Amino acid sequence: RDNSRTIRDIAAELGVHKDVVYRDRLV
């Protein structure tokens, strides 16, 4: 919801791969 956050930023914060975040966003 924070539009300034990229998938890579979110992945780094959560400690997961960017592909996991991408999939989670799609789901």
PDB file of all heavy atoms in Angstrom:
ATOM      1  N   ARG A   1       0.820  -1.212   0.000  1.00  0.00           N
ATOM      2  CA  ARG A   1       0.000   0.000   0.000  1.00  0.00           C
ATOM      3  C   ARG A   1       0.855   1.263   0.000  1.00  0.00           C
ATOM      4  O   ARG A   1       0.418   2.316  -0.440  1.00  0.00           O
ATOM      5  CB  ARG A   1      -0.958  -0.007   1.177  1.00  0.00           C
ATOM      6  CG  ARG A   1      -2.131  -0.936   0.949  1.00  0.00           C
ATOM      7  CD  ARG A   1      -3.204  -0.762   2.006  1.00  0.00           C
ATOM      8  NE  ARG A   1      -2.932  -1.462   3.246  1.00  0.00           N
ATOM      9  CZ  ARG A   1      -3.182  -2.744   3.469  1.00  0.00           C
ATOM     10  NH1 ARG A   1      -3.700  -3.487   2.520  1.00  0.00           N
ATOM     11  NH2 ARG A   1      -2.925  -3.294   4.628  1.00  0.00           N
ATOM     12  N   ASP A   2       2.088   1.159   0.481  1.00  0.00           N
ATOM     13  CA  ASP A   2       3.026   2.274   0.425  1.00  0.00           C
ATOM     14  C   ASP A   2       3.623   2.276  -0.972  1.00  0.00           C
ATOM     15  O   ASP A   2       4.501   1.491  -1.289  1.00  0.00           O
ATOM     16  CB  ASP A   2       4.117   2.098   1.481  1.00  0.00           C
ATOM     17  CG  ASP A   2       5.168   3.192   1.430  1.00  0.00           C
ATOM     18  OD1 ASP A   2       4.998   4.150   0.642  1.00  0.00           O
ATOM     19  OD2 ASP A   2       6.154   3.093   2.168  1.00  0.00           O
ATOM     20  N   ASN A   3       3.130   3.145  -1.849  1.00  0.00           N
ATOM     21  CA  ASN A   3       3.510   3.135  -3.261  1.00  0.00           C
ATOM     22  C   ASN A   3       4.995   3.348  -3.505  1.00  0.00           C
ATOM     23  O   ASN A   3       5.480   3.086  -4.593  1.00  0.00           O
ATOM     24  CB  ASN A   3       2.708   4.187  -4.033  1.00  0.00           C
ATOM     25  CG  ASN A   3       1.265   3.789  -4.162  1.00  0.00           C
ATOM     26  OD1 ASN A   3       0.931   2.613  -4.135  1.00  0.00           O
ATOM     27  ND2 ASN A   3       0.405   4.773  -4.293  1.00  0.00           N
ATOM     28  N   SER A   4       5.724   3.849  -2.511  1.00  0.00           N
ATOM     29  CA  SER A   4       7.149   4.098  -2.718  1.00  0.00           C
ATOM     30  C   SER A   4       7.990   2.841  -2.521  1.00  0.00           C
ATOM     31  O   SER A   4       9.180   2.841  -2.784  1.00  0.00           O
ATOM     32  CB  SER A   4       7.637   5.194  -1.770  1.00  0.00           C
ATOM     33  OG  SER A   4       7.567   4.734  -0.424  1.00  0.00           O
ATOM     34  N   ARG A   5       7.378   1.762  -2.060  1.00  0.00           N
ATOM     35  CA  ARG A   5       8.102   0.516  -1.776  1.00  0.00           C
ATOM     36  C   ARG A   5       8.146  -0.368  -3.006  1.00  0.00           C
ATOM     37  O   ARG A   5       7.122  -0.673  -3.599  1.00  0.00           O
ATOM     38  CB  ARG A   5       7.421  -0.251  -0.641  1.00  0.00           C
ATOM     39  CG  ARG A   5       7.200   0.521   0.649  1.00  0.00           C
ATOM     40  CD  ARG A   5       8.498   0.836   1.377  1.00  0.00           C
ATOM     41  NE  ARG A   5       9.256  -0.328   1.743  1.00  0.00           N
ATOM     42  CZ  ARG A   5       9.168  -0.955   2.908  1.00  0.00           C
ATOM     43  NH1 ARG A   5       8.339  -0.528   3.811  1.00  0.00           N
ATOM     44  NH2 ARG A   5       9.902  -2.007   3.144  1.00  0.00           N
ATOM     45  N   THR A   6       9.333  -0.803  -3.390  1.00  0.00           N
ATOM     46  CA  THR A   6       9.464  -1.726  -4.508  1.00  0.00           C
ATOM     47  C   THR A   6       9.381  -3.157  -3.987  1.00  0.00           C
ATOM     48  O   THR A   6       9.479  -3.405  -2.782  1.00  0.00           O
ATOM     49  CB  THR A   6      10.809  -1.546  -5.233  1.00  0.00           C
ATOM     50  OG1 THR A   6      11.867  -1.936  -4.346  1.00  0.00           O
ATOM     51  CG2 THR A   6      11.001  -0.110  -5.704  1.00  0.00           C
ATOM     52  N   ILE A   7       9.228  -4.074  -4.921  1.00  0.00           N
ATOM     53  CA  ILE A   7       9.202  -5.491  -4.554  1.00  0.00           C
ATOM     54  C   ILE A   7      10.504  -5.861  -3.854  1.00  0.00           C
ATOM     55  O   ILE A   7      10.504  -6.583  -2.850  1.00  0.00           O
ATOM     56  CB  ILE A   7       8.962  -6.367  -5.804  1.00  0.00           C
ATOM     57  CG1 ILE A   7       7.508  -6.228  -6.258  1.00  0.00           C
ATOM     58  CG2 ILE A   7       9.291  -7.829  -5.542  1.00  0.00           C
ATOM     59  CD1 ILE A   7       7.166  -6.970  -7.534  1.00  0.00           C
ATOM     60  N   ARG A   8      11.617  -5.349  -4.347  1.00  0.00           N
ATOM     61  CA  ARG A   8      12.920  -5.654  -3.734  1.00  0.00           C
ATOM     62  C   ARG A   8      13.004  -5.097  -2.309  1.00  0.00           C
ATOM     63  O   ARG A   8      13.562  -5.750  -1.420  1.00  0.00           O
ATOM     64  CB  ARG A   8      14.047  -5.100  -4.593  1.00  0.00           C
ATOM     65  CG  ARG A   8      14.214  -5.846  -5.896  1.00  0.00           C
ATOM     66  CD  ARG A   8      15.348  -5.245  -6.725  1.00  0.00           C
ATOM     67  NE  ARG A   8      15.339  -5.733  -8.067  1.00  0.00           N
ATOM     68  CZ  ARG A   8      15.982  -6.813  -8.481  1.00  0.00           C
ATOM     69  NH1 ARG A   8      16.670  -7.519  -7.629  1.00  0.00           N
ATOM     70  NH2 ARG A   8      15.923  -7.194  -9.739  1.00  0.00           N
ATOM     71  N   ASP A   9      12.471  -3.892  -2.099  1.00  0.00           N
ATOM     72  CA  ASP A   9      12.468  -3.311  -0.744  1.00  0.00           C
ATOM     73  C   ASP A   9      11.682  -4.195   0.221  1.00  0.00           C
ATOM     74  O   ASP A   9      12.134  -4.471   1.337  1.00  0.00           O
ATOM     75  CB  ASP A   9      11.828  -1.918  -0.743  1.00  0.00           C
ATOM     76  CG  ASP A   9      12.641  -0.870  -1.480  1.00  0.00           C
ATOM     77  OD1 ASP A   9      13.852  -1.071  -1.665  1.00  0.00           O
ATOM     78  OD2 ASP A   9      12.039   0.154  -1.872  1.00  0.00           O
ATOM     79  N   ILE A  10      10.508  -4.600  -0.229  1.00  0.00           N
ATOM     80  CA  ILE A  10       9.649  -5.438   0.614  1.00  0.00           C
ATOM     81  C   ILE A  10      10.325  -6.776   0.892  1.00  0.00           C
ATOM     82  O   ILE A  10      10.339  -7.265   2.032  1.00  0.00           O
ATOM     83  CB  ILE A  10       8.265  -5.629  -0.032  1.00  0.00           C
ATOM     84  CG1 ILE A  10       7.530  -4.274  -0.108  1.00  0.00           C
ATOM     85  CG2 ILE A  10       7.430  -6.659   0.727  1.00  0.00           C
ATOM     86  CD1 ILE A  10       6.269  -4.299  -0.964  1.00  0.00           C
ATOM     87  N   ALA A  11      10.918  -7.367  -0.144  1.00  0.00           N
ATOM     88  CA  ALA A  11      11.603  -8.654   0.018  1.00  0.00           C
ATOM     89  C   ALA A  11      12.742  -8.534   1.024  1.00  0.00           C
ATOM     90  O   ALA A  11      12.914  -9.406   1.896  1.00  0.00           O
ATOM     91  CB  ALA A  11      12.119  -9.154  -1.324  1.00  0.00           C
ATOM     92  N   ALA A  12      13.509  -7.461   0.933  1.00  0.00           N
ATOM     93  CA  ALA A  12      14.623  -7.261   1.863  1.00  0.00           C
ATOM     94  C   ALA A  12      14.112  -7.130   3.299  1.00  0.00           C
ATOM     95  O   ALA A  12      14.686  -7.708   4.224  1.00  0.00           O
ATOM     96  CB  ALA A  12      15.425  -6.025   1.464  1.00  0.00           C
ATOM     97  N   GLU A  13      13.028  -6.391   3.471  1.00  0.00           N
ATOM     98  CA  GLU A  13      12.486  -6.212   4.825  1.00  0.00           C
ATOM     99  C   GLU A  13      11.965  -7.517   5.406  1.00  0.00           C
ATOM    100  O   GLU A  13      12.144  -7.789   6.586  1.00  0.00           O
ATOM    101  CB  GLU A  13      11.368  -5.165   4.819  1.00  0.00           C
ATOM    102  CG  GLU A  13      10.805  -4.927   6.215  1.00  0.00           C
ATOM    103  CD  GLU A  13       9.911  -3.719   6.304  1.00  0.00           C
ATOM    104  OE1 GLU A  13      10.167  -2.736   5.584  1.00  0.00           O
ATOM    105  OE2 GLU A  13       8.969  -3.757   7.108  1.00  0.00           O
ATOM    106  N   LEU A  14      11.331  -8.329   4.559  1.00  0.00           N
ATOM    107  CA  LEU A  14      10.750  -9.585   5.046  1.00  0.00           C
ATOM    108  C   LEU A  14      11.745 -10.743   5.036  1.00  0.00           C
ATOM    109  O   LEU A  14      11.446 -11.819   5.560  1.00  0.00           O
ATOM    110  CB  LEU A  14       9.528  -9.956   4.200  1.00  0.00           C
ATOM    111  CG  LEU A  14       8.372  -8.959   4.232  1.00  0.00           C
ATOM    112  CD1 LEU A  14       7.242  -9.425   3.341  1.00  0.00           C
ATOM    113  CD2 LEU A  14       7.881  -8.749   5.649  1.00  0.00           C
ATOM    114  N   GLY A  15      12.899 -10.546   4.409  1.00  0.00           N
ATOM    115  CA  GLY A  15      13.907 -11.592   4.367  1.00  0.00           C
ATOM    116  C   GLY A  15      13.546 -12.743   3.439  1.00  0.00           C
ATOM    117  O   GLY A  15      13.877 -13.905   3.716  1.00  0.00           O
ATOM    118  N   VAL A  16      12.848 -12.423   2.335  1.00  0.00           N
ATOM    119  CA  VAL A  16      12.472 -13.440   1.353  1.00  0.00           C
ATOM    120  C   VAL A  16      12.946 -12.978  -0.022  1.00  0.00           C
ATOM    121  O   VAL A  16      13.342 -11.831  -0.198  1.00  0.00           O
ATOM    122  CB  VAL A  16      10.945 -13.690   1.329  1.00  0.00           C
ATOM    123  CG1 VAL A  16      10.462 -14.248   2.665  1.00  0.00           C
ATOM    124  CG2 VAL A  16      10.171 -12.430   0.973  1.00  0.00           C
ATOM    125  N   HIS A  17      12.889 -13.877  -0.986  1.00  0.00           N
ATOM    126  CA  HIS A  17      13.283 -13.548  -2.354  1.00  0.00           C
ATOM    127  C   HIS A  17      12.216 -12.665  -2.986  1.00  0.00           C
ATOM    128  O   HIS A  17      11.036 -12.757  -2.656  1.00  0.00           O
ATOM    129  CB  HIS A  17      13.455 -14.849  -3.160  1.00  0.00           C
ATOM    130  CG  HIS A  17      14.137 -14.641  -4.466  1.00  0.00           C
ATOM    131  ND1 HIS A  17      13.453 -14.315  -5.609  1.00  0.00           N
ATOM    132  CD2 HIS A  17      15.449 -14.685  -4.805  1.00  0.00           C
ATOM    133  CE1 HIS A  17      14.312 -14.180  -6.601  1.00  0.00           C
ATOM    134  NE2 HIS A  17      15.531 -14.401  -6.143  1.00  0.00           N
ATOM    135  N   LYS A  18      12.631 -11.795  -3.906  1.00  0.00           N
ATOM    136  CA  LYS A  18      11.695 -10.880  -4.566  1.00  0.00           C
ATOM    137  C   LYS A  18      10.589 -11.625  -5.295  1.00  0.00           C
ATOM    138  O   LYS A  18       9.462 -11.144  -5.379  1.00  0.00           O
ATOM    139  CB  LYS A  18      12.420  -9.939  -5.518  1.00  0.00           C
ATOM    140  CG  LYS A  18      13.047 -10.621  -6.714  1.00  0.00           C
ATOM    141  CD  LYS A  18      13.730  -9.640  -7.627  1.00  0.00           C
ATOM    142  CE  LYS A  18      14.380 -10.308  -8.797  1.00  0.00           C
ATOM    143  NZ  LYS A  18      13.543 -11.141  -9.615  1.00  0.00           N
ATOM    144  N   ASP A  19      10.878 -12.831  -5.803  1.00  0.00           N
ATOM    145  CA  ASP A  19       9.852 -13.610  -6.496  1.00  0.00           C
ATOM    146  C   ASP A  19       8.729 -14.032  -5.545  1.00  0.00           C
ATOM    147  O   ASP A  19       7.578 -14.146  -5.952  1.00  0.00           O
ATOM    148  CB  ASP A  19      10.458 -14.845  -7.159  1.00  0.00           C
ATOM    149  CG  ASP A  19      11.369 -14.484  -8.329  1.00  0.00           C
ATOM    150  OD1 ASP A  19      11.295 -13.334  -8.809  1.00  0.00           O
ATOM    151  OD2 ASP A  19      12.160 -15.345  -8.745  1.00  0.00           O
ATOM    152  N   VAL A  20       9.070 -14.260  -4.281  1.00  0.00           N
ATOM    153  CA  VAL A  20       8.058 -14.616  -3.284  1.00  0.00           C
ATOM    154  C   VAL A  20       7.113 -13.433  -3.086  1.00  0.00           C
ATOM    155  O   VAL A  20       5.892 -13.592  -3.053  1.00  0.00           O
ATOM    156  CB  VAL A  20       8.717 -15.032  -1.945  1.00  0.00           C
ATOM    157  CG1 VAL A  20       7.686 -15.210  -0.847  1.00  0.00           C
ATOM    158  CG2 VAL A  20       9.530 -16.314  -2.131  1.00  0.00           C
ATOM    159  N   VAL A  21       7.683 -12.232  -2.990  1.00  0.00           N
ATOM    160  CA  VAL A  21       6.861 -11.029  -2.810  1.00  0.00           C
ATOM    161  C   VAL A  21       5.989 -10.813  -4.045  1.00  0.00           C
ATOM    162  O   VAL A  21       4.796 -10.519  -3.925  1.00  0.00           O
ATOM    163  CB  VAL A  21       7.744  -9.795  -2.535  1.00  0.00           C
ATOM    164  CG1 VAL A  21       6.905  -8.514  -2.501  1.00  0.00           C
ATOM    165  CG2 VAL A  21       8.499  -9.977  -1.237  1.00  0.00           C
ATOM    166  N   TYR A  22       6.570 -10.980  -5.225  1.00  0.00           N
ATOM    167  CA  TYR A  22       5.807 -10.823  -6.464  1.00  0.00           C
ATOM    168  C   TYR A  22       4.622 -11.782  -6.481  1.00  0.00           C
ATOM    169  O   TYR A  22       3.495 -11.385  -6.768  1.00  0.00           O
ATOM    170  CB  TYR A  22       6.729 -11.066  -7.665  1.00  0.00           C
ATOM    171  CG  TYR A  22       6.026 -10.984  -8.994  1.00  0.00           C
ATOM    172  CD1 TYR A  22       5.647  -9.760  -9.528  1.00  0.00           C
ATOM    173  CD2 TYR A  22       5.733 -12.133  -9.704  1.00  0.00           C
ATOM    174  CE1 TYR A  22       4.998  -9.685 -10.746  1.00  0.00           C
ATOM    175  CE2 TYR A  22       5.082 -12.065 -10.925  1.00  0.00           C
ATOM    176  CZ  TYR A  22       4.720 -10.840 -11.439  1.00  0.00           C
ATOM    177  OH  TYR A  22       4.070 -10.777 -12.637  1.00  0.00           O
ATOM    178  N   ARG A  23       4.863 -13.053  -6.149  1.00  0.00           N
ATOM    179  CA  ARG A  23       3.783 -14.054  -6.107  1.00  0.00           C
ATOM    180  C   ARG A  23       2.736 -13.688  -5.063  1.00  0.00           C
ATOM    181  O   ARG A  23       1.536 -13.788  -5.308  1.00  0.00           O
ATOM    182  CB  ARG A  23       4.373 -15.438  -5.801  1.00  0.00           C
ATOM    183  CG  ARG A  23       4.294 -16.396  -6.934  1.00  0.00           C
ATOM    184  CD  ARG A  23       4.744 -17.803  -6.587  1.00  0.00           C
ATOM    185  NE  ARG A  23       5.653 -17.972  -5.472  1.00  0.00           N
ATOM    186  CZ  ARG A  23       6.980 -18.001  -5.566  1.00  0.00           C
ATOM    187  NH1 ARG A  23       7.558 -17.865  -6.725  1.00  0.00           N
ATOM    188  NH2 ARG A  23       7.715 -18.167  -4.499  1.00  0.00           N
ATOM    189  N   ASP A  24       3.198 -13.256  -3.900  1.00  0.00           N
ATOM    190  CA  ASP A  24       2.254 -12.871  -2.847  1.00  0.00           C
ATOM    191  C   ASP A  24       1.380 -11.705  -3.297  1.00  0.00           C
ATOM    192  O   ASP A  24       0.181 -11.680  -3.013  1.00  0.00           O
ATOM    193  CB  ASP A  24       2.997 -12.493  -1.555  1.00  0.00           C
ATOM    194  CG  ASP A  24       3.542 -13.696  -0.811  1.00  0.00           C
ATOM    195  OD1 ASP A  24       3.208 -14.848  -1.179  1.00  0.00           O
ATOM    196  OD2 ASP A  24       4.318 -13.491   0.144  1.00  0.00           O
ATOM    197  N   ARG A  25       1.961 -10.749  -4.005  1.00  0.00           N
ATOM    198  CA  ARG A  25       1.174  -9.619  -4.494  1.00  0.00           C
ATOM    199  C   ARG A  25       0.123 -10.082  -5.496  1.00  0.00           C
ATOM    200  O   ARG A  25      -1.011  -9.614  -5.476  1.00  0.00           O
ATOM    201  CB  ARG A  25       2.087  -8.566  -5.121  1.00  0.00           C
ATOM    202  CG  ARG A  25       2.897  -7.809  -4.064  1.00  0.00           C
ATOM    203  CD  ARG A  25       3.913  -6.895  -4.651  1.00  0.00           C
ATOM    204  NE  ARG A  25       3.288  -5.729  -5.257  1.00  0.00           N
ATOM    205  CZ  ARG A  25       3.965  -4.703  -5.732  1.00  0.00           C
ATOM    206  NH1 ARG A  25       5.270  -4.684  -5.673  1.00  0.00           N
ATOM    207  NH2 ARG A  25       3.334  -3.682  -6.267  1.00  0.00           N
ATOM    208  N   LEU A  26       0.504 -11.008  -6.358  1.00  0.00           N
ATOM    209  CA  LEU A  26      -0.460 -11.543  -7.322  1.00  0.00           C
ATOM    210  C   LEU A  26      -1.580 -12.295  -6.612  1.00  0.00           C
ATOM    211  O   LEU A  26      -2.753 -12.143  -6.960  1.00  0.00           O
ATOM    212  CB  LEU A  26       0.235 -12.466  -8.323  1.00  0.00           C
ATOM    213  CG  LEU A  26       1.159 -11.785  -9.327  1.00  0.00           C
ATOM    214  CD1 LEU A  26       1.840 -12.829 -10.202  1.00  0.00           C
ATOM    215  CD2 LEU A  26       0.412 -10.784 -10.174  1.00  0.00           C
ATOM    216  N   VAL A  27      -1.222 -13.116  -5.636  1.00  0.00           N
ATOM    217  CA  VAL A  27      -2.231 -13.862  -4.879  1.00  0.00           C
ATOM    218  C   VAL A  27      -3.146 -12.894  -4.144  1.00  0.00           C
ATOM    219  O   VAL A  27      -4.375 -13.054  -4.144  1.00  0.00           O
ATOM    220  CB  VAL A  27      -1.571 -14.862  -3.901  1.00  0.00           C
ATOM    221  CG1 VAL A  27      -2.576 -15.429  -2.921  1.00  0.00           C
ATOM    222  CG2 VAL A  27      -0.881 -15.981  -4.673  1.00  0.00           C
TER     223      VAL A  27
END
